[in-house]
Amino acid sequence: FEYELLDTGVFKENRYFDVWVEYAKAGQEDILIFITVANRGPEPAVCHVLPTLWFRNTWSWGYDAGPMGDVPNKPTLIQTEGATGVSAIDAVHPAIESYHLYFENAPQLLFTENETNTEKLLREANGSPYVKDAFHRYLIDGEAGAINPAQAGTKAAAHYDGDYHPGEVKYFRLRLTTNTESLPFETFGETI
């Protein structure tokens, strides 16, 4: 028989999480994101949810006119002030309109650069101390210096973490839009 996902043992004793991500458009440049996470296991468990936004690394391709045309600078993601209970990231690229990503319940925001860890991969010096495997190094290896304390980069994630009781379901709402929203979840729909 062909080796199947069930043969890996990942569902052994029903100790796993279900994660659903749903998208809906509220407008031409306004995307609503709804994430549902459920603990299917028989015991409490910890789950880290990291909705991530990044710019494709075209600035390191070695030529001036990449797929976004001639742009003088690398794009950037920066933490900005959100409404009470909201974390926010501004996405600024010289060739496209600026976007704002809003996260409900004000999670911790993590930032790094979307650049390969050449020190680990090729044993060559990194161009930046903040490279694309930073979130793993920060959360799994406990390496606090892996993420950028300046809250800026070309790759960013919200860090929702927490304990889940058996069968517990948690919900997360995000909004990616070109509109500056003072209350980004007011028109999103009812809170679950």
Protein backbone atom coordinates (compact mmCIF):
# COMPACT_ATOMS: atom_id res chain seq x y z
CA PHE A 1 0.00 0.00 0.00
CA GLU A 2 0.99 3.59 -0.56
CA TYR A 3 2.36 5.39 2.51
CA GLU A 4 -0.42 7.71 3.75
CA LEU A 5 -0.62 10.57 6.23
CA LEU A 6 -2.30 8.29 8.78
CA ASP A 7 0.75 5.98 8.60
CA THR A 8 2.96 8.76 10.02
CA GLY A 9 1.36 8.58 13.47
CA VAL A 10 0.60 12.31 13.60
CA PHE A 11 -3.01 11.53 14.58
CA LYS A 12 -2.07 8.91 17.18
CA GLU A 13 -4.41 9.04 20.19
CA ASN A 14 -6.13 12.06 18.57
CA ARG A 15 -3.40 14.38 19.86
CA TYR A 16 -3.47 17.10 17.22
CA PHE A 17 -4.89 20.53 16.43
CA ASP A 18 -7.28 21.38 13.63
CA VAL A 19 -6.62 24.77 12.03
CA TRP A 20 -8.96 26.44 9.54
CA VAL A 21 -8.20 29.70 7.76
CA GLU A 22 -11.05 31.46 5.98
CA TYR A 23 -10.79 34.53 3.75
CA ALA A 24 -13.49 36.94 2.59
CA LYS A 25 -13.25 40.20 0.68
CA ALA A 26 -14.89 43.24 2.25
CA GLY A 27 -13.72 45.34 -0.69
CA GLN A 28 -11.34 45.32 -3.63
CA GLU A 29 -8.30 45.87 -1.38
CA ASP A 30 -9.80 44.69 1.94
CA ILE A 31 -9.40 41.05 3.02
CA LEU A 32 -10.92 39.61 6.18
CA ILE A 33 -9.14 36.61 7.68
CA PHE A 34 -10.74 34.28 10.23
CA ILE A 35 -8.60 31.58 11.89
CA THR A 36 -10.09 28.76 13.96
CA VAL A 37 -7.85 26.52 16.09
CA ALA A 38 -9.20 23.45 17.92
CA ASN A 39 -7.43 21.07 20.31
CA ARG A 40 -8.57 17.56 19.34
CA GLY A 41 -6.49 15.87 22.04
CA PRO A 42 -7.66 14.38 25.34
CA GLU A 43 -5.34 16.61 27.43
CA PRO A 44 -4.48 20.33 27.66
CA ALA A 45 -1.87 21.38 25.11
CA VAL A 46 -0.01 24.52 24.04
CA CYS A 47 -0.36 25.86 20.51
CA HIS A 48 1.51 28.77 18.92
CA VAL A 49 -0.34 30.41 16.02
CA LEU A 50 1.84 32.63 13.82
CA PRO A 51 -0.11 34.37 11.02
CA THR A 52 2.75 35.68 8.88
CA LEU A 53 3.17 38.45 6.32
CA TRP A 54 6.31 38.81 4.22
CA PHE A 55 7.66 40.42 1.10
CA ARG A 56 9.06 38.10 -1.54
CA ASN A 57 12.80 38.54 -1.50
CA THR A 58 13.41 40.06 -4.92
CA TRP A 59 15.92 42.65 -3.66
CA SER A 60 18.67 40.02 -3.35
CA TRP A 61 18.36 38.66 -6.88
CA GLY A 62 21.34 40.69 -8.06
CA TYR A 63 19.78 42.91 -10.71
CA ASP A 64 18.21 46.34 -10.55
CA ALA A 65 15.00 45.76 -12.48
CA GLY A 66 13.25 42.92 -10.69
CA PRO A 67 9.64 41.82 -11.23
CA MET A 68 8.38 44.97 -9.46
CA GLY A 69 10.43 47.26 -11.70
CA ASP A 70 13.23 49.53 -10.61
CA VAL A 71 12.76 50.29 -6.95
CA PRO A 72 15.36 52.23 -4.98
CA ASN A 73 14.83 50.52 -1.62
CA LYS A 74 13.88 47.28 0.01
CA PRO A 75 10.22 47.12 1.16
CA THR A 76 9.48 47.13 4.87
CA LEU A 77 7.00 45.92 7.45
CA ILE A 78 6.79 48.03 10.61
CA GLN A 79 4.75 47.85 13.78
CA THR A 80 2.30 50.73 14.09
CA GLU A 81 -0.12 51.87 16.74
CA GLY A 82 -3.46 50.08 16.64
CA ALA A 83 -6.68 50.75 18.51
CA THR A 84 -7.06 49.34 22.01
CA GLY A 85 -6.84 45.56 21.77
CA VAL A 86 -5.43 45.66 18.22
CA SER A 87 -1.87 45.09 16.99
CA ALA A 88 -0.99 46.54 13.58
CA ILE A 89 1.66 46.23 10.88
CA ASP A 90 2.15 48.65 7.99
CA ALA A 91 3.46 47.07 4.77
CA VAL A 92 5.30 49.64 2.64
CA HIS A 93 6.68 48.83 -0.81
CA PRO A 94 7.99 51.46 -3.24
CA ALA A 95 6.12 49.94 -6.22
CA ILE A 96 2.70 49.15 -4.68
CA GLU A 97 0.12 50.77 -2.45
CA SER A 98 0.71 50.54 1.31
CA TYR A 99 -1.25 47.94 3.26
CA HIS A 100 -2.17 47.59 6.92
CA LEU A 101 -2.53 44.23 8.67
CA TYR A 102 -4.60 44.34 11.86
CA PHE A 103 -4.67 41.61 14.52
CA GLU A 104 -7.45 41.38 17.10
CA ASN A 105 -6.58 40.83 20.78
CA ALA A 106 -3.18 42.58 20.45
CA PRO A 107 -0.77 39.66 20.14
CA GLN A 108 3.00 40.05 20.33
CA LEU A 109 4.44 40.97 16.93
CA LEU A 110 7.68 39.38 15.72
CA PHE A 111 9.91 40.84 12.98
CA THR A 112 12.87 39.63 10.94
CA GLU A 113 14.20 39.82 7.38
CA ASN A 114 13.03 37.42 4.68
CA GLU A 115 16.62 36.47 3.91
CA THR A 116 18.29 33.07 4.03
CA ASN A 117 20.34 32.12 7.08
CA THR A 118 23.54 31.70 5.03
CA GLU A 119 25.56 31.17 8.20
CA LYS A 120 23.60 28.01 8.94
CA LEU A 121 23.11 26.88 5.34
CA LEU A 122 26.44 27.79 3.69
CA ARG A 123 28.67 28.68 6.65
CA GLU A 124 28.96 32.24 5.29
CA ALA A 125 28.28 35.43 7.21
CA ASN A 126 24.67 36.65 7.21
CA GLY A 127 23.96 40.06 5.72
CA SER A 128 21.72 40.78 8.71
CA PRO A 129 21.46 39.31 12.21
CA TYR A 130 17.73 38.81 11.56
CA VAL A 131 17.10 36.05 9.01
CA LYS A 132 14.08 34.06 7.87
CA ASP A 133 14.34 31.23 10.45
CA ALA A 134 14.18 33.76 13.32
CA PHE A 135 10.70 32.81 14.53
CA HIS A 136 11.70 29.17 14.96
CA ARG A 137 14.91 30.17 16.74
CA TYR A 138 12.99 32.57 18.99
CA LEU A 139 10.12 30.24 19.95
CA ILE A 140 11.70 26.78 19.82
CA ASP A 141 15.34 27.49 20.68
CA GLY A 142 14.61 30.39 23.08
CA GLU A 143 17.01 32.71 21.20
CA ALA A 144 15.67 36.17 22.16
CA GLY A 145 18.17 37.95 19.86
CA ALA A 146 16.83 36.20 16.74
CA ILE A 147 13.98 38.70 16.25
CA ASN A 148 14.40 42.38 15.47
CA PRO A 149 13.72 44.52 18.58
CA ALA A 150 13.17 47.56 16.32
CA GLN A 151 9.87 45.94 15.24
CA ALA A 152 10.66 46.23 11.52
CA GLY A 153 11.75 43.93 8.70
CA THR A 154 10.54 42.22 5.55
CA LYS A 155 8.89 39.31 7.38
CA ALA A 156 6.55 39.66 10.38
CA ALA A 157 4.16 37.49 12.37
CA ALA A 158 1.67 37.86 15.17
CA HIS A 159 2.36 35.45 18.01
CA TYR A 160 -0.82 34.05 19.52
CA ASP A 161 0.07 31.45 22.10
CA GLY A 162 -1.86 29.75 24.80
CA ASP A 163 -3.04 26.65 26.54
CA TYR A 164 -5.97 24.82 25.01
CA HIS A 165 -8.17 22.56 27.10
CA PRO A 166 -9.28 19.27 25.48
CA GLY A 167 -11.77 20.13 22.76
CA GLU A 168 -11.28 23.89 23.21
CA VAL A 169 -11.64 26.09 20.14
CA LYS A 170 -10.15 29.59 19.77
CA TYR A 171 -10.79 32.17 17.08
CA PHE A 172 -8.55 34.90 15.64
CA ARG A 173 -9.58 37.76 13.37
CA LEU A 174 -7.20 39.64 11.06
CA ARG A 175 -7.75 42.27 8.40
CA LEU A 176 -5.42 43.16 5.50
CA THR A 177 -6.43 46.40 3.82
CA THR A 178 -5.20 49.54 2.10
CA ASN A 179 -7.59 51.52 4.32
CA THR A 180 -6.41 52.99 7.59
CA GLU A 181 -8.92 51.60 10.08
CA SER A 182 -9.40 53.05 13.55
CA LEU A 183 -11.75 50.16 14.45
CA PRO A 184 -10.80 47.41 11.97
CA PHE A 185 -13.08 44.72 13.40
CA GLU A 186 -16.23 46.78 13.92
CA THR A 187 -17.62 45.85 10.48
CA PHE A 188 -15.97 42.40 10.40
CA GLY A 189 -18.96 40.54 11.80
CA GLU A 190 -19.92 39.33 15.21
CA THR A 191 -17.28 38.15 17.66
CA ILE A 192 -17.47 34.44 18.37
